[in-house]
């Protein structure tokens, strides 16, 4: 999306040639900042608790099984207190990957939940 915005601004040439150069530099800086720090900026807004295999064995085991089958590193696993079923992943690469699941998603464990967690866990694993 950022790339499309950048191409549009440069193509239109807002402010002439120098405006296009400034727009390009601004968009490139925004993209770099978002890539490097989006996870760190979004996590403080979300109440969550990182869990281990001892604290949430079923959830942790599910994520471990799915990532093992896919041959990707295990992400950090978080639980968010919320009755609404939801799960998401964040991270710019496997070393910064995390999966968060709401408490409303965990009961009962279904094929749909496994699909959501599998998708979430693998989304941030691809470089």
C-alpha atoms as a PDB file:
ATOM      1  CA  UNK A   1       0.000   0.000   0.000  1.00  0.00           C
ATOM      2  CA  UNK A   2       2.809   2.380   0.868  1.00  0.00           C
ATOM      3  CA  UNK A   3       4.466   1.554  -2.427  1.00  0.00           C
ATOM      4  CA  UNK A   4       1.309   2.435  -4.357  1.00  0.00           C
ATOM      5  CA  UNK A   5       1.055   5.736  -2.488  1.00  0.00           C
ATOM      6  CA  UNK A   6       4.692   6.469  -3.262  1.00  0.00           C
ATOM      7  CA  UNK A   7       4.283   5.685  -6.963  1.00  0.00           C
ATOM      8  CA  UNK A   8       1.160   7.841  -7.178  1.00  0.00           C
ATOM      9  CA  UNK A   9       2.802  10.846  -5.502  1.00  0.00           C
ATOM     10  CA  UNK A  10       5.914  10.586  -7.660  1.00  0.00           C
ATOM     11  CA  UNK A  11       3.826  10.060 -10.805  1.00  0.00           C
ATOM     12  CA  UNK A  12       1.609  13.066 -10.116  1.00  0.00           C
ATOM     13  CA  UNK A  13       4.655  15.099  -9.145  1.00  0.00           C
ATOM     14  CA  UNK A  14       2.976  17.108  -6.417  1.00  0.00           C
ATOM     15  CA  UNK A  15       4.977  20.345  -6.151  1.00  0.00           C
ATOM     16  CA  UNK A  16       6.923  19.797  -9.340  1.00  0.00           C
ATOM     17  CA  UNK A  17      10.164  17.881  -9.570  1.00  0.00           C
ATOM     18  CA  UNK A  18      11.463  18.959  -6.169  1.00  0.00           C
ATOM     19  CA  UNK A  19       8.069  18.098  -4.621  1.00  0.00           C
ATOM     20  CA  UNK A  20       8.294  14.610  -6.079  1.00  0.00           C
ATOM     21  CA  UNK A  21      11.798  14.160  -4.646  1.00  0.00           C
ATOM     22  CA  UNK A  22      10.657  15.308  -1.186  1.00  0.00           C
ATOM     23  CA  UNK A  23       7.578  13.084  -1.383  1.00  0.00           C
ATOM     24  CA  UNK A  24       9.755  10.133  -2.354  1.00  0.00           C
ATOM     25  CA  UNK A  25      12.154  10.725   0.549  1.00  0.00           C
ATOM     26  CA  UNK A  26       9.276  11.160   2.999  1.00  0.00           C
ATOM     27  CA  UNK A  27       7.520   7.993   1.816  1.00  0.00           C
ATOM     28  CA  UNK A  28      10.764   6.003   1.879  1.00  0.00           C
ATOM     29  CA  UNK A  29      11.457   7.184   5.434  1.00  0.00           C
ATOM     30  CA  UNK A  30       7.932   6.320   6.551  1.00  0.00           C
ATOM     31  CA  UNK A  31       8.198   2.846   5.019  1.00  0.00           C
ATOM     32  CA  UNK A  32      11.545   2.179   6.693  1.00  0.00           C
ATOM     33  CA  UNK A  33      10.247   3.385  10.070  1.00  0.00           C
ATOM     34  CA  UNK A  34       7.077   1.266   9.787  1.00  0.00           C
ATOM     35  CA  UNK A  35       9.073  -1.815   8.767  1.00  0.00           C
ATOM     36  CA  UNK A  36      11.535  -1.508  11.633  1.00  0.00           C
ATOM     37  CA  UNK A  37       9.273  -0.459  14.482  1.00  0.00           C
ATOM     38  CA  UNK A  38       5.632  -1.277  13.760  1.00  0.00           C
ATOM     39  CA  UNK A  39       5.602  -4.196  16.204  1.00  0.00           C
ATOM     40  CA  UNK A  40       7.191  -2.230  19.026  1.00  0.00           C
ATOM     41  CA  UNK A  41       4.724   0.634  18.551  1.00  0.00           C
ATOM     42  CA  UNK A  42       1.607  -1.538  18.367  1.00  0.00           C
ATOM     43  CA  UNK A  43       2.276  -3.900  21.298  1.00  0.00           C
ATOM     44  CA  UNK A  44       1.962  -1.274  24.075  1.00  0.00           C
ATOM     45  CA  UNK A  45      -1.606  -0.622  22.912  1.00  0.00           C
ATOM     46  CA  UNK A  46      -2.623  -4.245  23.466  1.00  0.00           C
ATOM     47  CA  UNK A  47      -3.071  -5.873  26.855  1.00  0.00           C
ATOM     48  CA  UNK A  48      -1.496  -9.284  26.512  1.00  0.00           C
ATOM     49  CA  UNK A  49       0.466 -11.889  28.438  1.00  0.00           C
ATOM     50  CA  UNK A  50       3.235 -13.990  26.978  1.00  0.00           C
ATOM     51  CA  UNK A  51       2.674 -17.649  27.787  1.00  0.00           C
ATOM     52  CA  UNK A  52       4.884 -20.699  27.966  1.00  0.00           C
ATOM     53  CA  UNK A  53       4.170 -24.359  27.326  1.00  0.00           C
ATOM     54  CA  UNK A  54       3.466 -24.805  31.065  1.00  0.00           C
ATOM     55  CA  UNK A  55       0.974 -21.917  31.254  1.00  0.00           C
ATOM     56  CA  UNK A  56      -1.053 -22.675  28.099  1.00  0.00           C
ATOM     57  CA  UNK A  57      -0.077 -26.191  27.000  1.00  0.00           C
ATOM     58  CA  UNK A  58      -2.853 -26.684  24.440  1.00  0.00           C
ATOM     59  CA  UNK A  59      -2.379 -23.336  22.687  1.00  0.00           C
ATOM     60  CA  UNK A  60       1.415 -23.414  22.862  1.00  0.00           C
ATOM     61  CA  UNK A  61       1.471 -26.996  21.633  1.00  0.00           C
ATOM     62  CA  UNK A  62      -0.786 -26.124  18.708  1.00  0.00           C
ATOM     63  CA  UNK A  63       1.467 -23.256  17.619  1.00  0.00           C
ATOM     64  CA  UNK A  64       4.563 -25.424  18.099  1.00  0.00           C
ATOM     65  CA  UNK A  65       3.064 -28.244  16.029  1.00  0.00           C
ATOM     66  CA  UNK A  66       1.983 -25.963  13.190  1.00  0.00           C
ATOM     67  CA  UNK A  67       5.306 -24.124  12.974  1.00  0.00           C
ATOM     68  CA  UNK A  68       7.246 -27.392  13.233  1.00  0.00           C
ATOM     69  CA  UNK A  69       5.311 -28.902  10.329  1.00  0.00           C
ATOM     70  CA  UNK A  70       5.953 -25.747   8.304  1.00  0.00           C
ATOM     71  CA  UNK A  71       9.652 -25.764   9.180  1.00  0.00           C
ATOM     72  CA  UNK A  72       9.673 -22.237  10.631  1.00  0.00           C
ATOM     73  CA  UNK A  73      10.910 -20.988  14.022  1.00  0.00           C
ATOM     74  CA  UNK A  74       8.551 -20.910  16.981  1.00  0.00           C
ATOM     75  CA  UNK A  75       7.104 -17.408  17.502  1.00  0.00           C
ATOM     76  CA  UNK A  76       6.362 -15.905  20.905  1.00  0.00           C
ATOM     77  CA  UNK A  77       2.828 -16.793  22.006  1.00  0.00           C
ATOM     78  CA  UNK A  78       0.542 -14.295  23.744  1.00  0.00           C
ATOM     79  CA  UNK A  79      -2.957 -14.458  25.218  1.00  0.00           C
ATOM     80  CA  UNK A  80      -5.240 -11.417  25.278  1.00  0.00           C
ATOM     81  CA  UNK A  81      -8.153 -11.194  27.711  1.00  0.00           C
ATOM     82  CA  UNK A  82     -11.143 -10.772  25.406  1.00  0.00           C
ATOM     83  CA  UNK A  83     -14.271 -12.874  24.854  1.00  0.00           C
ATOM     84  CA  UNK A  84     -14.334 -12.137  21.122  1.00  0.00           C
ATOM     85  CA  UNK A  85     -12.644 -14.918  19.114  1.00  0.00           C
ATOM     86  CA  UNK A  86      -9.618 -13.450  17.366  1.00  0.00           C
ATOM     87  CA  UNK A  87      -5.972 -14.158  16.605  1.00  0.00           C
ATOM     88  CA  UNK A  88      -3.240 -12.273  14.800  1.00  0.00           C
ATOM     89  CA  UNK A  89       0.448 -12.341  14.090  1.00  0.00           C
ATOM     90  CA  UNK A  90       3.002  -9.599  13.972  1.00  0.00           C
ATOM     91  CA  UNK A  91       6.691  -9.279  13.259  1.00  0.00           C
ATOM     92  CA  UNK A  92       8.901  -8.346  10.357  1.00  0.00           C
ATOM     93  CA  UNK A  93      10.851 -11.610  10.301  1.00  0.00           C
ATOM     94  CA  UNK A  94      11.031 -14.964  12.123  1.00  0.00           C
ATOM     95  CA  UNK A  95      13.238 -13.539  14.890  1.00  0.00           C
ATOM     96  CA  UNK A  96      10.608 -10.913  15.770  1.00  0.00           C
ATOM     97  CA  UNK A  97       7.518 -13.069  15.203  1.00  0.00           C
ATOM     98  CA  UNK A  98       4.657 -13.244  17.684  1.00  0.00           C
ATOM     99  CA  UNK A  99       1.189 -14.795  17.695  1.00  0.00           C
ATOM    100  CA  UNK A 100      -1.602 -13.431  19.893  1.00  0.00           C
ATOM    101  CA  UNK A 101      -4.872 -15.245  20.605  1.00  0.00           C
ATOM    102  CA  UNK A 102      -7.863 -14.008  22.586  1.00  0.00           C
ATOM    103  CA  UNK A 103      -9.276 -16.032  25.460  1.00  0.00           C
ATOM    104  CA  UNK A 104     -12.542 -16.267  23.515  1.00  0.00           C
ATOM    105  CA  UNK A 105     -10.756 -18.171  20.739  1.00  0.00           C
ATOM    106  CA  UNK A 106      -9.464 -20.959  22.917  1.00  0.00           C
ATOM    107  CA  UNK A 107     -12.631 -22.712  23.956  1.00  0.00           C
ATOM    108  CA  UNK A 108     -13.278 -25.044  22.270  1.00  0.00           C
ATOM    109  CA  UNK A 109     -10.224 -25.760  20.107  1.00  0.00           C
ATOM    110  CA  UNK A 110     -11.507 -26.346  16.607  1.00  0.00           C
ATOM    111  CA  UNK A 111     -10.158 -26.870  13.117  1.00  0.00           C
ATOM    112  CA  UNK A 112     -11.100 -23.241  12.423  1.00  0.00           C
ATOM    113  CA  UNK A 113      -8.930 -22.052  15.327  1.00  0.00           C
ATOM    114  CA  UNK A 114      -6.057 -24.191  14.085  1.00  0.00           C
ATOM    115  CA  UNK A 115      -6.463 -22.614  10.647  1.00  0.00           C
ATOM    116  CA  UNK A 116      -6.449 -19.084  12.068  1.00  0.00           C
ATOM    117  CA  UNK A 117      -3.439 -19.759  14.282  1.00  0.00           C
ATOM    118  CA  UNK A 118      -1.597 -21.519  11.459  1.00  0.00           C
ATOM    119  CA  UNK A 119      -2.220 -18.584   9.153  1.00  0.00           C
ATOM    120  CA  UNK A 120      -1.246 -16.092  11.845  1.00  0.00           C
ATOM    121  CA  UNK A 121       1.892 -18.018  12.808  1.00  0.00           C
ATOM    122  CA  UNK A 122       3.090 -18.368   9.226  1.00  0.00           C
ATOM    123  CA  UNK A 123       2.200 -14.844   8.072  1.00  0.00           C
ATOM    124  CA  UNK A 124       5.126 -13.145   9.763  1.00  0.00           C
ATOM    125  CA  UNK A 125       7.577 -15.969   9.061  1.00  0.00           C
ATOM    126  CA  UNK A 126       8.119 -15.281   5.387  1.00  0.00           C
ATOM    127  CA  UNK A 127      10.967 -12.841   4.704  1.00  0.00           C
END
